[in-house]
Each structure stands twice: as structure tokens, then as C-alpha cells.
Amino acid sequence: MKIGNPVMKMKTFITQCKRVLMVSSKPDKDEFDQAAKFTAIGTVIICMIGFIIFIIAMLIGGV
């Protein structure tokens, strides 16, 4: 297993981070609203699934 030079790995990592930051851009309002909406919907769905499992466990008598 080759470990490599830690300084060279750090330089490569910094170069890759700079490249990502140059390509990325701040989302506009519509894109942000859409991402927030999907995140909220996903959170609600996961919470509902957890609540349903909790209710089923209570009905069975496990909790």
C-alpha cells in the first residue's frame, strides 16, 4: 500500500477544492425554494413513517 507524500496530497486536495468553488454558483430563489420544498416533503414523509411504526408498535403492545 502506497501512502504518498502528505504535502502533495494536501496540494492536490486544495486544487480540487478551488476547482469546485470556481464551477459552483449560488442558487437563485426558484432553485432554493424547490430544494427547500423537496427537503421538507422528505422530512414529513420520514416522520410519518416513523409515527406509523410507533403506532403499530403501541397497538401490538411493544411500547
Protein backbone atom coordinates (compact mmCIF):
# COMPACT_ATOMS: atom_id res chain seq x y z
CA MET A 1 0.00 0.00 0.00
CA LYS A 2 1.48 3.32 -1.09
CA ILE A 3 0.99 6.19 1.36
CA GLY A 4 2.44 9.05 -0.72
CA ASN A 5 3.63 12.48 0.23
CA PRO A 6 1.18 14.21 2.64
CA VAL A 7 2.16 17.69 1.37
CA MET A 8 1.45 16.67 -2.23
CA LYS A 9 -1.90 15.17 -1.21
CA MET A 10 -2.83 18.42 0.55
CA LYS A 11 -1.90 20.49 -2.52
CA THR A 12 -3.99 18.22 -4.74
CA PHE A 13 -6.93 18.47 -2.35
CA ILE A 14 -6.71 22.28 -2.25
CA THR A 15 -6.52 22.43 -6.05
CA GLN A 16 -9.63 20.25 -6.36
CA CYS A 17 -11.49 22.39 -3.81
CA LYS A 18 -10.63 25.56 -5.75
CA ARG A 19 -11.91 23.96 -8.96
CA VAL A 20 -15.22 23.03 -7.32
CA LEU A 21 -15.66 26.52 -5.87
CA MET A 22 -15.00 28.14 -9.27
CA VAL A 23 -17.58 25.94 -11.02
CA SER A 24 -20.28 26.18 -8.35
CA SER A 25 -22.68 29.08 -8.13
CA LYS A 26 -25.20 30.43 -5.66
CA PRO A 27 -28.69 29.06 -6.36
CA ASP A 28 -31.34 31.51 -7.45
CA LYS A 29 -34.56 31.93 -5.48
CA ASP A 30 -36.57 29.40 -7.51
CA GLU A 31 -33.89 26.73 -7.23
CA PHE A 32 -33.56 27.31 -3.48
CA ASP A 33 -37.34 27.18 -2.98
CA GLN A 34 -37.54 23.92 -4.92
CA ALA A 35 -34.74 22.32 -2.87
CA ALA A 36 -36.34 23.51 0.38
CA LYS A 37 -39.73 22.14 -0.69
CA PHE A 38 -38.31 18.70 -1.53
CA THR A 39 -36.37 18.62 1.73
CA ALA A 40 -39.49 19.49 3.72
CA ILE A 41 -41.58 16.88 1.89
CA GLY A 42 -38.92 14.22 2.52
CA THR A 43 -38.74 15.11 6.20
CA VAL A 44 -42.52 14.90 6.57
CA ILE A 45 -42.62 11.52 4.81
CA ILE A 46 -39.88 10.07 7.03
CA CYS A 47 -41.61 11.41 10.16
CA MET A 48 -44.93 9.92 9.07
CA ILE A 49 -43.32 6.52 8.51
CA GLY A 50 -41.74 6.66 11.96
CA PHE A 51 -45.04 7.67 13.55
CA ILE A 52 -46.90 4.84 11.81
CA ILE A 53 -44.29 2.34 13.03
CA PHE A 54 -44.64 3.76 16.56
CA ILE A 55 -48.45 3.44 16.46
CA ILE A 56 -48.21 -0.15 15.20
CA ALA A 57 -45.75 -0.97 17.99
CA MET A 58 -48.12 0.55 20.56
CA LEU A 59 -51.06 -1.45 19.19
CA ILE A 60 -49.06 -4.66 19.36
CA GLY A 61 -48.10 -3.79 22.92
CA GLY A 62 -44.37 -3.49 22.46
CA VAL A 63 -44.05 0.02 23.85
